[in-house]
């Protein structure tokens, strides 16, 4: 029986069909494009998260608060607008703290040349707001907001005027070589022996 199995003729089956290429072999270009897009999106997300939102400038915060104040009832609008403007002044000049009264603020701002162009609309707006808050006088909110905007505009114009421009030199200065270090002085002669005369 074992001999019969070994005597069976050997049959050739012929060539096998070709193996199709793998997924990566046939689509390598699409894989590289997908990898590049993934790397680019990771880079963009990291940069966006690192940058964050741009903080508002003091003038932009004031404008936002004044727009909000225009939509509020009169007493709340007066409080909102004056607090926002005092915050703006404190951001521009640290000596003009928001806790100062109007008269104290006038004395502080009289010393700063930056506020001289805005003095008239600023004083008119703050004094009329004080009269409305503390004495019950009537005050039109659009007039108050317009006066505060005019004062802020004049302050910003004065800031641009008084800003010192930084002028880069046309030819950069040459670096100066450091002076050579002086060697320490040489020691002097030894002291002479003393003669003691008794």
Protein backbone atom coordinates (compact mmCIF):
# COMPACT_ATOMS: atom_id res chain seq x y z
CA UNK A 1 0.00 0.00 0.00
CA UNK A 2 2.75 2.43 0.75
CA UNK A 3 4.34 1.59 -2.59
CA UNK A 4 1.19 2.43 -4.48
CA UNK A 5 1.06 5.91 -3.03
CA UNK A 6 4.65 6.59 -3.92
CA UNK A 7 4.18 5.43 -7.52
CA UNK A 8 1.45 7.92 -8.31
CA UNK A 9 2.59 10.16 -11.11
CA UNK A 10 3.65 13.75 -10.29
CA UNK A 11 1.38 16.23 -12.04
CA UNK A 12 2.30 19.84 -12.71
CA UNK A 13 -0.49 22.27 -11.97
CA UNK A 14 0.75 25.11 -14.14
CA UNK A 15 1.43 28.76 -13.29
CA UNK A 16 -0.60 30.41 -10.51
CA UNK A 17 -2.42 33.67 -11.23
CA UNK A 18 -0.53 36.90 -10.36
CA UNK A 19 -1.06 38.38 -6.92
CA UNK A 20 -2.61 41.85 -7.10
CA UNK A 21 -0.62 44.65 -5.45
CA UNK A 22 -1.44 45.54 -1.83
CA UNK A 23 -3.42 48.58 -0.79
CA UNK A 24 -0.36 50.70 0.05
CA UNK A 25 1.47 49.66 -3.11
CA UNK A 26 -1.36 50.79 -5.36
CA UNK A 27 -2.40 53.92 -3.41
CA UNK A 28 0.88 55.26 -2.06
CA UNK A 29 0.30 58.75 -3.52
CA UNK A 30 -3.07 59.06 -1.76
CA UNK A 31 -1.44 57.89 1.47
CA UNK A 32 1.22 60.61 1.22
CA UNK A 33 -1.41 63.27 0.52
CA UNK A 34 -3.48 62.10 3.52
CA UNK A 35 -0.39 62.11 5.75
CA UNK A 36 0.54 65.62 4.61
CA UNK A 37 -2.99 66.93 5.23
CA UNK A 38 -3.00 65.38 8.68
CA UNK A 39 0.33 66.99 9.56
CA UNK A 40 -0.86 70.35 8.21
CA UNK A 41 -4.10 70.20 10.21
CA UNK A 42 -2.22 69.30 13.41
CA UNK A 43 0.14 72.23 12.82
CA UNK A 44 -2.77 74.62 12.19
CA UNK A 45 -4.69 73.50 15.28
CA UNK A 46 -1.62 73.83 17.52
CA UNK A 47 -0.87 77.29 16.17
CA UNK A 48 -4.48 78.39 16.62
CA UNK A 49 -4.54 77.12 20.20
CA UNK A 50 -1.22 78.76 20.95
CA UNK A 51 -2.34 82.12 19.61
CA UNK A 52 -5.70 82.10 21.35
CA UNK A 53 -8.10 84.95 21.04
CA UNK A 54 -6.64 88.39 20.53
CA UNK A 55 -7.31 90.47 23.65
CA UNK A 56 -9.33 93.63 23.18
CA UNK A 57 -7.60 96.97 23.50
CA UNK A 58 -8.84 99.44 26.09
CA UNK A 59 -10.52 101.52 23.35
CA UNK A 60 -12.31 98.46 21.93
CA UNK A 61 -13.53 97.50 25.43
CA UNK A 62 -14.81 101.06 25.92
CA UNK A 63 -16.64 101.02 22.59
CA UNK A 64 -18.23 97.66 23.40
CA UNK A 65 -19.38 98.93 26.81
CA UNK A 66 -20.78 102.15 25.29
CA UNK A 67 -22.79 100.17 22.73
CA UNK A 68 -24.18 98.06 25.53
CA UNK A 69 -25.00 101.17 27.57
CA UNK A 70 -27.03 102.62 24.70
CA UNK A 71 -29.47 99.71 24.97
CA UNK A 72 -29.95 99.92 28.76
CA UNK A 73 -32.39 102.06 30.76
CA UNK A 74 -31.11 105.53 31.70
CA UNK A 75 -29.75 104.96 35.26
CA UNK A 76 -28.03 101.72 34.34
CA UNK A 77 -26.72 103.22 31.09
CA UNK A 78 -25.16 106.18 32.91
CA UNK A 79 -23.46 103.88 35.41
CA UNK A 80 -22.26 101.48 32.69
CA UNK A 81 -20.91 104.25 30.45
CA UNK A 82 -19.08 106.15 33.21
CA UNK A 83 -17.56 102.98 34.71
CA UNK A 84 -16.37 101.87 31.27
CA UNK A 85 -14.84 105.29 30.59
CA UNK A 86 -13.11 105.38 33.96
CA UNK A 87 -11.72 101.91 33.25
CA UNK A 88 -10.43 103.22 29.91
CA UNK A 89 -8.79 106.20 31.62
CA UNK A 90 -7.17 103.90 34.20
CA UNK A 91 -5.83 101.70 31.38
CA UNK A 92 -4.37 104.73 29.58
CA UNK A 93 -2.97 106.47 32.68
CA UNK A 94 -2.41 104.46 35.89
CA UNK A 95 -2.73 107.57 38.07
CA UNK A 96 -6.33 108.01 36.89
CA UNK A 97 -7.71 105.18 39.01
CA UNK A 98 -11.37 104.29 38.64
CA UNK A 99 -11.92 104.86 42.37
CA UNK A 100 -11.25 108.62 42.16
CA UNK A 101 -14.10 111.10 42.35
CA UNK A 102 -14.70 113.38 39.39
CA UNK A 103 -12.95 116.35 41.02
CA UNK A 104 -9.95 114.24 42.04
CA UNK A 105 -9.81 112.87 38.52
CA UNK A 106 -9.85 116.42 37.10
CA UNK A 107 -6.84 117.37 39.24
CA UNK A 108 -4.92 114.25 38.20
CA UNK A 109 -5.71 114.66 34.51
CA UNK A 110 -4.73 118.36 34.57
CA UNK A 111 -1.15 117.26 35.27
CA UNK A 112 -0.98 114.87 32.29
CA UNK A 113 -0.55 116.58 28.89
CA UNK A 114 -2.11 113.59 27.15
CA UNK A 115 -5.56 114.55 28.44
CA UNK A 116 -5.48 118.28 27.69
CA UNK A 117 -7.17 118.00 24.25
CA UNK A 118 -9.96 115.87 25.75
CA UNK A 119 -10.48 117.96 28.88
CA UNK A 120 -13.61 119.86 27.81
CA UNK A 121 -15.80 116.95 26.57
CA UNK A 122 -14.46 114.74 29.34
CA UNK A 123 -15.37 117.16 32.13
CA UNK A 124 -18.74 117.94 30.60
CA UNK A 125 -19.63 114.26 30.28
CA UNK A 126 -18.47 113.25 33.75
CA UNK A 127 -20.08 116.22 35.52
CA UNK A 128 -23.39 115.75 33.72
CA UNK A 129 -23.29 112.02 34.60
CA UNK A 130 -22.64 112.91 38.25
CA UNK A 131 -25.56 115.35 38.19
CA UNK A 132 -27.83 112.66 36.76
CA UNK A 133 -26.66 109.99 39.22
CA UNK A 134 -26.56 112.02 42.41
CA UNK A 135 -28.97 114.96 41.85
CA UNK A 136 -31.53 113.26 39.63
CA UNK A 137 -30.99 115.63 36.70
CA UNK A 138 -32.18 114.46 33.31
CA UNK A 139 -29.53 113.34 30.86
CA UNK A 140 -29.85 112.07 27.33
CA UNK A 141 -27.90 108.83 27.04
CA UNK A 142 -26.93 109.37 23.36
CA UNK A 143 -25.41 112.77 24.31
CA UNK A 144 -23.42 111.23 27.16
CA UNK A 145 -22.17 108.40 24.94
CA UNK A 146 -21.26 110.85 22.17
CA UNK A 147 -19.31 113.05 24.62
CA UNK A 148 -17.42 110.03 26.01
CA UNK A 149 -16.61 108.83 22.47
CA UNK A 150 -15.36 112.29 21.54
CA UNK A 151 -13.15 112.42 24.64
CA UNK A 152 -11.76 108.94 23.89
CA UNK A 153 -11.09 109.96 20.28
CA UNK A 154 -9.18 113.04 21.40
CA UNK A 155 -7.17 111.00 23.91
CA UNK A 156 -6.25 108.47 21.22
CA UNK A 157 -5.24 111.30 18.86
CA UNK A 158 -3.06 112.78 21.61
CA UNK A 159 -1.49 109.37 22.29
CA UNK A 160 -0.53 109.07 18.62
CA UNK A 161 0.79 112.64 18.61
CA UNK A 162 2.87 112.25 21.77
CA UNK A 163 4.14 108.78 20.87
CA UNK A 164 7.86 108.78 20.31
CA UNK A 165 8.71 107.21 16.97
CA UNK A 166 11.44 104.65 17.02
CA UNK A 167 13.88 105.43 14.25
CA UNK A 168 16.29 102.71 13.27
CA UNK A 169 19.75 103.91 12.33
CA UNK A 170 20.58 103.79 8.64
CA UNK A 171 23.95 102.21 9.27
CA UNK A 172 24.13 99.98 12.31
CA UNK A 173 26.89 100.93 14.72
CA UNK A 174 30.07 98.91 14.59
CA UNK A 175 30.68 96.70 17.56
CA UNK A 176 33.58 98.00 19.58
CA UNK A 177 36.23 95.51 20.58
CA UNK A 178 36.62 95.04 24.26
CA UNK A 179 39.63 96.67 25.85
CA UNK A 180 42.36 94.17 26.66
CA UNK A 181 42.48 93.29 30.29
CA UNK A 182 45.36 94.92 32.13
CA UNK A 183 47.73 92.42 33.71
CA UNK A 184 48.05 92.69 37.46
CA UNK A 185 50.91 94.89 38.65
CA UNK A 186 54.21 93.25 39.44
CA UNK A 187 55.13 92.87 43.08
CA UNK A 188 57.44 95.51 44.49
CA UNK A 189 60.85 94.92 46.09
CA UNK A 190 60.92 93.22 49.48
CA UNK A 191 60.99 95.53 52.49
CA UNK A 192 64.41 96.49 53.85
CA UNK A 193 65.45 95.08 57.24
CA UNK A 194 65.14 97.49 60.16
CA UNK A 195 67.84 98.32 62.52
CA UNK A 196 66.69 98.72 66.03
CA UNK A 197 68.78 101.24 67.97
CA UNK A 198 68.20 100.99 71.64
